[in-house]
Amino acid sequence: MNALNVIRKPIITEKSSILEEKMIYAFWVNPKSTKIDIKNAFKTLYGVNVDTVKLVTVPKKNRKLQKGTYNKRKETRKAYISVKSKNKLDLNKFAKFDQENKTTVLSSVNKKPQKAKLSKTTNKTSKL
């Protein structure tokens, strides 16, 4: 599996921020991925050796709404990853391998494309 398909996004809650002090990071992962897939994907994305991976399956949930309709939440999976290094990780930045240039580029999860700003300039001719 591709590393970006295995680890979907970090979980940012009060519980996960407390666990980060103990060098344990929480992520939403693909439900079909295994511990070995998650370990390899984390190492390729963040470049840090993984100590242990613990998985939690969040079951699907059905809620009855008005007029007999159901709202369904799919079954998802959480991974709690403990890291061997003592340096804190920035979860929004990860290393991405650029295959064209064969280099590693830091990417950001929350990075949005910038729109080009057009400035209104007037053509004033100066009189000499």
N, C-alpha and C. Protein backbone atom coordinates (compact mmCIF):
# COMPACT_ATOMS: atom_id res chain seq x y z
N MET A 1 0.83 -1.19 0.00
CA MET A 1 0.00 0.00 0.00
C MET A 1 0.88 1.25 0.00
N ASN A 2 0.36 2.31 -0.60
CA ASN A 2 1.04 3.59 -0.61
C ASN A 2 0.98 4.21 0.78
N ALA A 3 2.04 4.89 1.18
CA ALA A 3 2.13 5.46 2.54
C ALA A 3 1.03 6.49 2.78
N LEU A 4 0.68 7.27 1.76
CA LEU A 4 -0.37 8.27 1.93
C LEU A 4 -1.75 7.65 1.99
N ASN A 5 -1.91 6.42 1.48
CA ASN A 5 -3.19 5.73 1.59
C ASN A 5 -3.34 5.00 2.92
N VAL A 6 -2.24 4.67 3.56
CA VAL A 6 -2.30 3.95 4.83
C VAL A 6 -2.64 4.90 5.96
N ILE A 7 -1.85 5.97 6.11
CA ILE A 7 -2.10 6.94 7.18
C ILE A 7 -2.91 8.08 6.58
N ARG A 8 -4.13 8.26 7.08
CA ARG A 8 -5.03 9.25 6.50
C ARG A 8 -4.79 10.64 7.06
N LYS A 9 -4.89 10.80 8.40
CA LYS A 9 -4.65 12.10 9.01
C LYS A 9 -4.43 11.92 10.51
N PRO A 10 -3.76 12.88 11.14
CA PRO A 10 -3.56 12.79 12.59
C PRO A 10 -4.83 13.12 13.35
N ILE A 11 -4.96 12.53 14.53
CA ILE A 11 -6.08 12.83 15.42
C ILE A 11 -5.62 13.92 16.37
N ILE A 12 -6.30 15.04 16.36
CA ILE A 12 -5.91 16.16 17.21
C ILE A 12 -7.04 16.40 18.21
N THR A 13 -6.89 15.80 19.38
CA THR A 13 -7.84 15.96 20.47
C THR A 13 -7.06 16.20 21.76
N GLU A 14 -7.78 16.40 22.85
CA GLU A 14 -7.13 16.62 24.14
C GLU A 14 -6.38 15.36 24.58
N LYS A 15 -6.97 14.21 24.37
CA LYS A 15 -6.33 12.95 24.75
C LYS A 15 -5.05 12.73 23.94
N SER A 16 -5.11 13.00 22.64
CA SER A 16 -3.93 12.77 21.81
C SER A 16 -2.82 13.76 22.14
N SER A 17 -3.16 14.98 22.55
CA SER A 17 -2.12 15.94 22.93
C SER A 17 -1.45 15.54 24.24
N ILE A 18 -2.16 14.90 25.13
CA ILE A 18 -1.56 14.37 26.36
C ILE A 18 -0.64 13.20 26.03
N LEU A 19 -1.05 12.36 25.08
CA LEU A 19 -0.22 11.22 24.68
C LEU A 19 1.04 11.65 23.95
N GLU A 20 1.01 12.80 23.28
CA GLU A 20 2.19 13.29 22.56
C GLU A 20 3.34 13.59 23.51
N GLU A 21 3.03 13.96 24.75
CA GLU A 21 4.08 14.19 25.74
C GLU A 21 4.80 12.89 26.08
N LYS A 22 4.12 11.77 25.92
CA LYS A 22 4.72 10.45 26.16
C LYS A 22 5.27 9.83 24.87
N MET A 23 5.36 10.65 23.81
CA MET A 23 5.87 10.24 22.50
C MET A 23 4.99 9.16 21.85
N ILE A 24 3.68 9.27 22.04
CA ILE A 24 2.70 8.39 21.38
C ILE A 24 1.80 9.29 20.53
N TYR A 25 1.69 8.96 19.25
CA TYR A 25 0.93 9.77 18.31
C TYR A 25 -0.27 8.97 17.80
N ALA A 26 -1.41 9.66 17.63
CA ALA A 26 -2.64 9.01 17.19
C ALA A 26 -2.98 9.44 15.76
N PHE A 27 -3.37 8.46 14.94
CA PHE A 27 -3.70 8.71 13.54
C PHE A 27 -4.93 7.91 13.15
N TRP A 28 -5.72 8.48 12.21
CA TRP A 28 -6.74 7.71 11.52
C TRP A 28 -6.03 6.97 10.40
N VAL A 29 -6.28 5.67 10.29
CA VAL A 29 -5.61 4.87 9.27
C VAL A 29 -6.64 4.11 8.45
N ASN A 30 -6.18 3.54 7.35
CA ASN A 30 -7.02 2.72 6.49
C ASN A 30 -7.44 1.46 7.25
N PRO A 31 -8.72 1.11 7.25
CA PRO A 31 -9.16 -0.08 7.99
C PRO A 31 -8.55 -1.39 7.50
N LYS A 32 -8.07 -1.42 6.26
CA LYS A 32 -7.50 -2.65 5.72
C LYS A 32 -5.99 -2.76 5.96
N SER A 33 -5.39 -1.74 6.53
CA SER A 33 -3.94 -1.76 6.72
C SER A 33 -3.56 -2.56 7.97
N THR A 34 -2.36 -3.13 7.94
CA THR A 34 -1.85 -3.91 9.05
C THR A 34 -0.86 -3.08 9.85
N LYS A 35 -0.39 -3.63 10.97
CA LYS A 35 0.58 -2.94 11.80
C LYS A 35 1.89 -2.71 11.05
N ILE A 36 2.28 -3.68 10.25
CA ILE A 36 3.52 -3.56 9.49
C ILE A 36 3.39 -2.47 8.43
N ASP A 37 2.23 -2.39 7.75
CA ASP A 37 1.99 -1.33 6.77
C ASP A 37 2.07 0.04 7.43
N ILE A 38 1.46 0.18 8.60
CA ILE A 38 1.44 1.45 9.31
C ILE A 38 2.84 1.84 9.76
N LYS A 39 3.59 0.87 10.24
CA LYS A 39 4.96 1.12 10.70
C LYS A 39 5.84 1.60 9.54
N ASN A 40 5.75 0.94 8.39
CA ASN A 40 6.54 1.33 7.23
C ASN A 40 6.10 2.68 6.67
N ALA A 41 4.79 2.94 6.65
CA ALA A 41 4.29 4.21 6.14
C ALA A 41 4.72 5.37 7.03
N PHE A 42 4.69 5.18 8.34
CA PHE A 42 5.09 6.23 9.26
C PHE A 42 6.58 6.53 9.12
N LYS A 43 7.36 5.48 8.91
CA LYS A 43 8.80 5.68 8.74
C LYS A 43 9.11 6.42 7.44
N THR A 44 8.39 6.13 6.36
CA THR A 44 8.63 6.82 5.10
C THR A 44 8.14 8.26 5.14
N LEU A 45 7.01 8.53 5.81
CA LEU A 45 6.47 9.88 5.84
C LEU A 45 7.22 10.80 6.78
N TYR A 46 7.53 10.32 7.98
CA TYR A 46 8.14 11.18 8.99
C TYR A 46 9.62 10.91 9.21
N GLY A 47 10.14 9.80 8.72
CA GLY A 47 11.56 9.50 8.85
C GLY A 47 11.99 9.17 10.26
N VAL A 48 11.10 8.59 11.06
CA VAL A 48 11.38 8.28 12.45
C VAL A 48 11.13 6.79 12.67
N ASN A 49 11.98 6.15 13.47
CA ASN A 49 11.79 4.74 13.78
C ASN A 49 10.62 4.57 14.76
N VAL A 50 9.81 3.55 14.51
CA VAL A 50 8.62 3.28 15.31
C VAL A 50 8.92 2.18 16.32
N ASP A 51 8.47 2.39 17.55
CA ASP A 51 8.66 1.39 18.59
C ASP A 51 7.51 0.38 18.56
N THR A 52 6.28 0.82 18.78
CA THR A 52 5.12 -0.08 18.75
C THR A 52 3.95 0.60 18.03
N VAL A 53 3.03 -0.23 17.55
CA VAL A 53 1.81 0.24 16.92
C VAL A 53 0.65 -0.50 17.58
N LYS A 54 -0.31 0.25 18.10
CA LYS A 54 -1.52 -0.34 18.68
C LYS A 54 -2.71 0.13 17.87
N LEU A 55 -3.59 -0.81 17.51
CA LEU A 55 -4.74 -0.51 16.66
C LEU A 55 -6.04 -0.61 17.45
N VAL A 56 -6.96 0.32 17.14
CA VAL A 56 -8.29 0.32 17.74
C VAL A 56 -9.29 0.44 16.61
N THR A 57 -10.25 -0.47 16.55
CA THR A 57 -11.28 -0.41 15.53
C THR A 57 -12.51 0.28 16.11
N VAL A 58 -12.94 1.36 15.45
CA VAL A 58 -14.13 2.08 15.86
C VAL A 58 -15.29 1.49 15.05
N PRO A 59 -16.29 0.88 15.71
CA PRO A 59 -17.35 0.20 14.96
C PRO A 59 -18.26 1.17 14.22
N LYS A 60 -18.96 0.63 13.22
CA LYS A 60 -19.91 1.46 12.48
C LYS A 60 -21.10 1.78 13.38
N LYS A 61 -21.78 2.85 13.04
CA LYS A 61 -22.87 3.31 13.89
C LYS A 61 -24.04 3.74 13.03
N ASN A 62 -25.23 3.28 13.38
CA ASN A 62 -26.45 3.66 12.68
C ASN A 62 -27.29 4.52 13.62
N ARG A 63 -27.82 5.61 13.09
CA ARG A 63 -28.69 6.47 13.87
C ARG A 63 -30.00 6.64 13.11
N LYS A 64 -31.09 6.52 13.81
CA LYS A 64 -32.39 6.69 13.18
C LYS A 64 -32.77 8.17 13.23
N LEU A 65 -33.10 8.69 12.06
CA LEU A 65 -33.51 10.09 11.95
C LEU A 65 -35.01 10.14 11.70
N GLN A 66 -35.52 11.28 11.31
CA GLN A 66 -36.94 11.43 11.07
C GLN A 66 -37.42 10.58 9.90
N LYS A 67 -38.63 10.13 9.99
CA LYS A 67 -39.32 9.39 8.93
C LYS A 67 -38.59 8.11 8.54
N GLY A 68 -37.94 7.48 9.47
CA GLY A 68 -37.36 6.17 9.23
C GLY A 68 -36.07 6.15 8.44
N THR A 69 -35.41 7.27 8.25
CA THR A 69 -34.14 7.28 7.54
C THR A 69 -32.99 7.01 8.51
N TYR A 70 -31.94 6.45 7.98
CA TYR A 70 -30.79 6.10 8.81
C TYR A 70 -29.56 6.89 8.36
N ASN A 71 -28.80 7.29 9.34
CA ASN A 71 -27.53 7.93 9.08
C ASN A 71 -26.45 6.93 9.50
N LYS A 72 -25.55 6.58 8.60
CA LYS A 72 -24.56 5.55 8.87
C LYS A 72 -23.17 6.15 8.93
N ARG A 73 -22.40 5.70 9.92
CA ARG A 73 -20.99 6.04 10.00
C ARG A 73 -20.20 4.77 9.72
N LYS A 74 -19.23 4.85 8.83
CA LYS A 74 -18.47 3.67 8.46
C LYS A 74 -17.56 3.23 9.58
N GLU A 75 -17.14 1.97 9.50
CA GLU A 75 -16.17 1.45 10.45
C GLU A 75 -14.81 2.06 10.13
N THR A 76 -14.16 2.60 11.13
CA THR A 76 -12.85 3.24 10.95
C THR A 76 -11.85 2.62 11.91
N ARG A 77 -10.61 3.05 11.77
CA ARG A 77 -9.55 2.47 12.58
C ARG A 77 -8.58 3.56 13.04
N LYS A 78 -8.17 3.48 14.31
CA LYS A 78 -7.19 4.39 14.88
C LYS A 78 -5.91 3.62 15.12
N ALA A 79 -4.81 4.32 15.00
CA ALA A 79 -3.51 3.73 15.33
C ALA A 79 -2.80 4.63 16.33
N TYR A 80 -2.34 4.04 17.42
CA TYR A 80 -1.51 4.74 18.39
C TYR A 80 -0.08 4.28 18.17
N ILE A 81 0.77 5.21 17.72
CA ILE A 81 2.13 4.88 17.33
C ILE A 81 3.09 5.48 18.34
N SER A 82 3.90 4.62 18.97
CA SER A 82 4.93 5.12 19.88
C SER A 82 6.25 5.18 19.14
N VAL A 83 6.99 6.25 19.39
CA VAL A 83 8.20 6.56 18.63
C VAL A 83 9.42 6.40 19.54
N LYS A 84 10.53 5.95 18.96
CA LYS A 84 11.75 5.75 19.72
C LYS A 84 12.50 7.05 19.99
N SER A 85 12.43 8.01 19.08
CA SER A 85 13.20 9.24 19.25
C SER A 85 12.58 10.12 20.34
N LYS A 86 13.39 11.02 20.88
CA LYS A 86 12.91 11.88 21.95
C LYS A 86 12.54 13.27 21.45
N ASN A 87 12.66 13.51 20.16
CA ASN A 87 12.29 14.80 19.59
C ASN A 87 10.82 14.79 19.22
N LYS A 88 10.12 15.92 19.46
CA LYS A 88 8.71 16.01 19.10
C LYS A 88 8.57 16.14 17.59
N LEU A 89 7.51 15.56 17.06
CA LEU A 89 7.24 15.62 15.62
C LEU A 89 6.22 16.71 15.34
N ASP A 90 6.35 17.34 14.19
CA ASP A 90 5.32 18.24 13.70
C ASP A 90 4.42 17.40 12.81
N LEU A 91 3.20 17.15 13.27
CA LEU A 91 2.31 16.24 12.56
C LEU A 91 1.79 16.81 11.25
N ASN A 92 1.88 18.13 11.07
CA ASN A 92 1.39 18.74 9.84
C ASN A 92 2.40 18.67 8.71
N LYS A 93 3.66 18.37 9.01
CA LYS A 93 4.68 18.28 7.98
C LYS A 93 5.21 16.87 7.90
N PHE A 94 5.34 16.37 6.70
CA PHE A 94 5.88 15.03 6.51
C PHE A 94 6.76 15.04 5.27
N ALA A 95 7.64 14.05 5.20
CA ALA A 95 8.57 13.95 4.07
C ALA A 95 7.88 13.21 2.93
N LYS A 96 7.96 13.78 1.74
CA LYS A 96 7.35 13.19 0.56
C LYS A 96 8.45 12.98 -0.47
N PHE A 97 8.52 11.78 -1.02
CA PHE A 97 9.57 11.45 -1.98
C PHE A 97 9.12 11.86 -3.37
N ASP A 98 9.87 12.74 -4.00
CA ASP A 98 9.58 13.20 -5.35
C ASP A 98 10.28 12.27 -6.33
N GLN A 99 9.51 11.51 -7.10
CA GLN A 99 10.09 10.49 -7.98
C GLN A 99 10.76 11.10 -9.21
N GLU A 100 10.29 12.25 -9.66
CA GLU A 100 10.90 12.86 -10.84
C GLU A 100 12.32 13.34 -10.54
N ASN A 101 12.47 14.05 -9.43
CA ASN A 101 13.78 14.61 -9.09
C ASN A 101 14.57 13.70 -8.15
N LYS A 102 13.95 12.62 -7.67
CA LYS A 102 14.56 11.67 -6.74
C LYS A 102 15.10 12.38 -5.50
N THR A 103 14.26 13.25 -4.92
CA THR A 103 14.61 13.96 -3.70
C THR A 103 13.46 13.87 -2.71
N THR A 104 13.75 14.19 -1.48
CA THR A 104 12.74 14.21 -0.43
C THR A 104 12.32 15.64 -0.19
N VAL A 105 11.02 15.89 -0.23
CA VAL A 105 10.47 17.23 -0.08
C VAL A 105 9.55 17.24 1.13
N LEU A 106 9.65 18.27 1.97
CA LEU A 106 8.73 18.40 3.09
C LEU A 106 7.42 18.96 2.60
N SER A 107 6.34 18.29 2.93
CA SER A 107 5.01 18.74 2.54
C SER A 107 4.21 19.03 3.79
N SER A 108 3.14 19.76 3.62
CA SER A 108 2.28 20.10 4.74
C SER A 108 0.89 19.56 4.49
N VAL A 109 0.24 19.07 5.54
CA VAL A 109 -1.10 18.51 5.41
C VAL A 109 -2.10 19.63 5.16
N ASN A 110 -1.97 20.74 5.86
CA ASN A 110 -2.93 21.82 5.77
C ASN A 110 -2.57 22.84 4.71
N LYS A 111 -1.64 22.51 3.85
CA LYS A 111 -1.20 23.46 2.85
C LYS A 111 -2.25 23.60 1.76
N LYS A 112 -2.71 24.83 1.55
CA LYS A 112 -3.71 25.10 0.54
C LYS A 112 -3.04 25.86 -0.61
N PRO A 113 -3.49 25.61 -1.83
CA PRO A 113 -2.88 26.33 -2.95
C PRO A 113 -3.17 27.82 -2.85
N GLN A 114 -2.16 28.60 -3.11
CA GLN A 114 -2.29 30.04 -3.05
C GLN A 114 -2.84 30.56 -4.38
N LYS A 115 -3.77 31.47 -4.31
CA LYS A 115 -4.29 32.10 -5.51
C LYS A 115 -3.43 33.32 -5.80
N ALA A 116 -3.22 33.53 -7.06
CA ALA A 116 -2.43 34.69 -7.46
C ALA A 116 -3.25 35.95 -7.26
N LYS A 117 -2.65 36.91 -6.58
CA LYS A 117 -3.35 38.15 -6.32
C LYS A 117 -3.02 39.15 -7.42
N LEU A 118 -4.05 39.70 -7.99
CA LEU A 118 -3.86 40.69 -9.03
C LEU A 118 -3.97 42.07 -8.39
N SER A 119 -2.96 42.85 -8.55
CA SER A 119 -3.01 44.19 -8.01
C SER A 119 -3.43 45.16 -9.10
N LYS A 120 -4.26 46.08 -8.72
CA LYS A 120 -4.74 47.06 -9.69
C LYS A 120 -3.73 48.21 -9.73
N THR A 121 -3.10 48.33 -10.84
CA THR A 121 -2.15 49.40 -11.02
C THR A 121 -2.64 50.30 -12.15
N THR A 122 -2.42 51.52 -12.00
CA THR A 122 -2.82 52.46 -13.05
C THR A 122 -1.56 52.92 -13.77
N ASN A 123 -1.69 53.08 -15.03
CA ASN A 123 -0.58 53.54 -15.83
C ASN A 123 -0.56 55.06 -15.83
N LYS A 124 0.23 55.61 -14.95
CA LYS A 124 0.36 57.04 -14.89
C LYS A 124 1.65 57.43 -15.57
N THR A 125 1.52 58.30 -16.46
CA THR A 125 2.74 58.77 -17.14
C THR A 125 3.21 60.04 -16.45
N SER A 126 4.43 60.03 -16.13
CA SER A 126 4.98 61.21 -15.46
C SER A 126 5.38 62.25 -16.50
N LYS A 127 5.06 63.43 -16.23
CA LYS A 127 5.37 64.52 -17.15
C LYS A 127 6.71 65.11 -16.76
N LEU A 128 7.56 65.22 -17.71
CA LEU A 128 8.89 65.79 -17.46
C LEU A 128 8.97 67.20 -17.91
